[in-house]
Amino acid sequence: MASNLVKAEIAVSGLVQGVGFRYFVYSKAQNIGLYGYTKNLFTGEVVTVVEGERYLVEELIDYIKIGPSRSHVKSHSVNWFEFRNEFTVFEIIN
């Protein structure tokens, strides 16, 4: 099976800060085995940059679109990029 490695940037807006959203994304990405980071933006959005197999990234996107129970994702966007092997861990950036 050919490798289908990708990089994606996922941005979400809505009630996504102060509700454990970044920890939720961190936990899911760790469990799936993806690398990258998630962080709050001053605009009130949360952005996640992730690398890995496309099907795993798509699985994470499905989780992100829902978010943790206290959150409310109003909208999301995904930008796809060429895999660069930039990350060795998944982390929360403050």
C-alpha atoms as a PDB file:
ATOM      1  CA  MET A   1       0.000   0.000   0.000  1.00  0.00           C
ATOM      2  CA  ALA A   2       1.407   3.373  -0.998  1.00  0.00           C
ATOM      3  CA  SER A   3       1.932   5.990   1.662  1.00  0.00           C
ATOM      4  CA  ASN A   4      -0.432   8.953   1.504  1.00  0.00           C
ATOM      5  CA  LEU A   5       1.255  11.389   3.880  1.00  0.00           C
ATOM      6  CA  VAL A   6      -0.199  14.895   4.086  1.00  0.00           C
ATOM      7  CA  LYS A   7      -0.129  18.073   6.115  1.00  0.00           C
ATOM      8  CA  ALA A   8      -3.317  19.924   7.018  1.00  0.00           C
ATOM      9  CA  GLU A   9      -4.218  23.153   8.785  1.00  0.00           C
ATOM     10  CA  ILE A  10      -7.635  23.019  10.436  1.00  0.00           C
ATOM     11  CA  ALA A  11      -9.210  26.187  11.833  1.00  0.00           C
ATOM     12  CA  VAL A  12     -12.408  26.177  13.886  1.00  0.00           C
ATOM     13  CA  SER A  13     -14.543  29.002  15.208  1.00  0.00           C
ATOM     14  CA  GLY A  14     -17.403  29.181  17.656  1.00  0.00           C
ATOM     15  CA  LEU A  15     -17.245  28.382  21.364  1.00  0.00           C
ATOM     16  CA  VAL A  16     -13.812  26.766  21.110  1.00  0.00           C
ATOM     17  CA  GLN A  17     -11.654  28.607  23.669  1.00  0.00           C
ATOM     18  CA  GLY A  18     -11.884  28.056  27.410  1.00  0.00           C
ATOM     19  CA  VAL A  19     -13.709  24.733  27.016  1.00  0.00           C
ATOM     20  CA  GLY A  20     -10.807  22.244  26.806  1.00  0.00           C
ATOM     21  CA  PHE A  21     -10.749  22.232  23.010  1.00  0.00           C
ATOM     22  CA  ARG A  22      -6.964  22.162  22.595  1.00  0.00           C
ATOM     23  CA  TYR A  23      -6.583  19.338  25.124  1.00  0.00           C
ATOM     24  CA  PHE A  24      -9.359  17.428  23.298  1.00  0.00           C
ATOM     25  CA  VAL A  25      -7.499  17.804  19.978  1.00  0.00           C
ATOM     26  CA  TYR A  26      -4.191  16.889  21.645  1.00  0.00           C
ATOM     27  CA  SER A  27      -5.665  13.738  23.153  1.00  0.00           C
ATOM     28  CA  LYS A  28      -7.274  12.616  19.885  1.00  0.00           C
ATOM     29  CA  ALA A  29      -4.133  13.327  17.830  1.00  0.00           C
ATOM     30  CA  GLN A  30      -1.969  11.425  20.334  1.00  0.00           C
ATOM     31  CA  ASN A  31      -4.323   8.426  20.254  1.00  0.00           C
ATOM     32  CA  ILE A  32      -4.443   8.404  16.453  1.00  0.00           C
ATOM     33  CA  GLY A  33      -0.668   8.827  16.112  1.00  0.00           C
ATOM     34  CA  LEU A  34      -0.424  12.197  14.390  1.00  0.00           C
ATOM     35  CA  TYR A  35       2.196  14.948  14.772  1.00  0.00           C
ATOM     36  CA  GLY A  36       1.885  18.730  14.876  1.00  0.00           C
ATOM     37  CA  TYR A  37       0.301  21.260  17.209  1.00  0.00           C
ATOM     38  CA  THR A  38      -2.876  23.031  18.221  1.00  0.00           C
ATOM     39  CA  LYS A  39      -3.148  26.588  19.514  1.00  0.00           C
ATOM     40  CA  ASN A  40      -5.576  29.404  20.281  1.00  0.00           C
ATOM     41  CA  LEU A  41      -5.614  32.416  17.989  1.00  0.00           C
ATOM     42  CA  PHE A  42      -6.310  35.960  19.172  1.00  0.00           C
ATOM     43  CA  THR A  43      -9.359  35.929  16.853  1.00  0.00           C
ATOM     44  CA  GLY A  44     -11.072  33.392  19.133  1.00  0.00           C
ATOM     45  CA  GLU A  45     -10.402  30.498  16.776  1.00  0.00           C
ATOM     46  CA  VAL A  46      -8.375  27.362  17.407  1.00  0.00           C
ATOM     47  CA  VAL A  47      -5.955  26.249  14.696  1.00  0.00           C
ATOM     48  CA  THR A  48      -4.455  22.790  14.401  1.00  0.00           C
ATOM     49  CA  VAL A  49      -1.564  21.909  12.112  1.00  0.00           C
ATOM     50  CA  VAL A  50      -1.079  18.188  11.679  1.00  0.00           C
ATOM     51  CA  GLU A  51       0.904  15.712   9.608  1.00  0.00           C
ATOM     52  CA  GLY A  52       0.339  12.030   8.963  1.00  0.00           C
ATOM     53  CA  GLU A  53      -1.539   9.544   6.827  1.00  0.00           C
ATOM     54  CA  ARG A  54      -4.440  11.267   5.070  1.00  0.00           C
ATOM     55  CA  TYR A  55      -7.075   8.878   6.448  1.00  0.00           C
ATOM     56  CA  LEU A  56      -5.844   9.544   9.998  1.00  0.00           C
ATOM     57  CA  VAL A  57      -5.838  13.316   9.452  1.00  0.00           C
ATOM     58  CA  GLU A  58      -9.399  13.024   8.116  1.00  0.00           C
ATOM     59  CA  GLU A  59     -10.352  11.069  11.253  1.00  0.00           C
ATOM     60  CA  LEU A  60      -8.964  13.884  13.421  1.00  0.00           C
ATOM     61  CA  ILE A  61     -10.873  16.460  11.349  1.00  0.00           C
ATOM     62  CA  ASP A  62     -14.102  14.542  12.049  1.00  0.00           C
ATOM     63  CA  TYR A  63     -13.386  14.793  15.800  1.00  0.00           C
ATOM     64  CA  ILE A  64     -12.468  18.475  15.533  1.00  0.00           C
ATOM     65  CA  LYS A  65     -15.728  19.318  13.732  1.00  0.00           C
ATOM     66  CA  ILE A  66     -17.611  18.020  16.787  1.00  0.00           C
ATOM     67  CA  GLY A  67     -15.239  19.084  19.587  1.00  0.00           C
ATOM     68  CA  PRO A  68     -15.549  18.322  23.296  1.00  0.00           C
ATOM     69  CA  SER A  69     -18.957  18.372  24.984  1.00  0.00           C
ATOM     70  CA  ARG A  70     -18.684  21.949  26.322  1.00  0.00           C
ATOM     71  CA  SER A  71     -17.700  23.405  22.950  1.00  0.00           C
ATOM     72  CA  HIS A  72     -19.772  24.477  19.968  1.00  0.00           C
ATOM     73  CA  VAL A  73     -18.038  24.460  16.593  1.00  0.00           C
ATOM     74  CA  LYS A  74     -19.733  27.033  14.400  1.00  0.00           C
ATOM     75  CA  SER A  75     -17.511  26.607  11.344  1.00  0.00           C
ATOM     76  CA  HIS A  76     -14.316  24.933  10.247  1.00  0.00           C
ATOM     77  CA  SER A  77     -11.888  25.128   7.346  1.00  0.00           C
ATOM     78  CA  VAL A  78      -9.188  22.767   6.151  1.00  0.00           C
ATOM     79  CA  ASN A  79      -6.191  23.643   4.015  1.00  0.00           C
ATOM     80  CA  TRP A  80      -4.122  20.758   2.627  1.00  0.00           C
ATOM     81  CA  PHE A  81      -0.378  20.924   2.050  1.00  0.00           C
ATOM     82  CA  GLU A  82       2.463  18.700   0.950  1.00  0.00           C
ATOM     83  CA  PHE A  83       3.861  16.498   3.735  1.00  0.00           C
ATOM     84  CA  ARG A  84       7.125  17.973   5.055  1.00  0.00           C
ATOM     85  CA  ASN A  85       7.903  15.742   8.057  1.00  0.00           C
ATOM     86  CA  GLU A  86       8.183  18.879  10.207  1.00  0.00           C
ATOM     87  CA  PHE A  87       7.037  17.436  13.538  1.00  0.00           C
ATOM     88  CA  THR A  88       8.139  14.653  15.873  1.00  0.00           C
ATOM     89  CA  VAL A  89       5.411  15.124  18.525  1.00  0.00           C
ATOM     90  CA  PHE A  90       1.939  16.583  18.879  1.00  0.00           C
ATOM     91  CA  GLU A  91       1.766  19.483  21.315  1.00  0.00           C
ATOM     92  CA  ILE A  92      -0.396  22.288  22.645  1.00  0.00           C
ATOM     93  CA  ILE A  93       1.111  25.703  21.979  1.00  0.00           C
ATOM     94  CA  ASN A  94       0.102  28.549  24.284  1.00  0.00           C
END
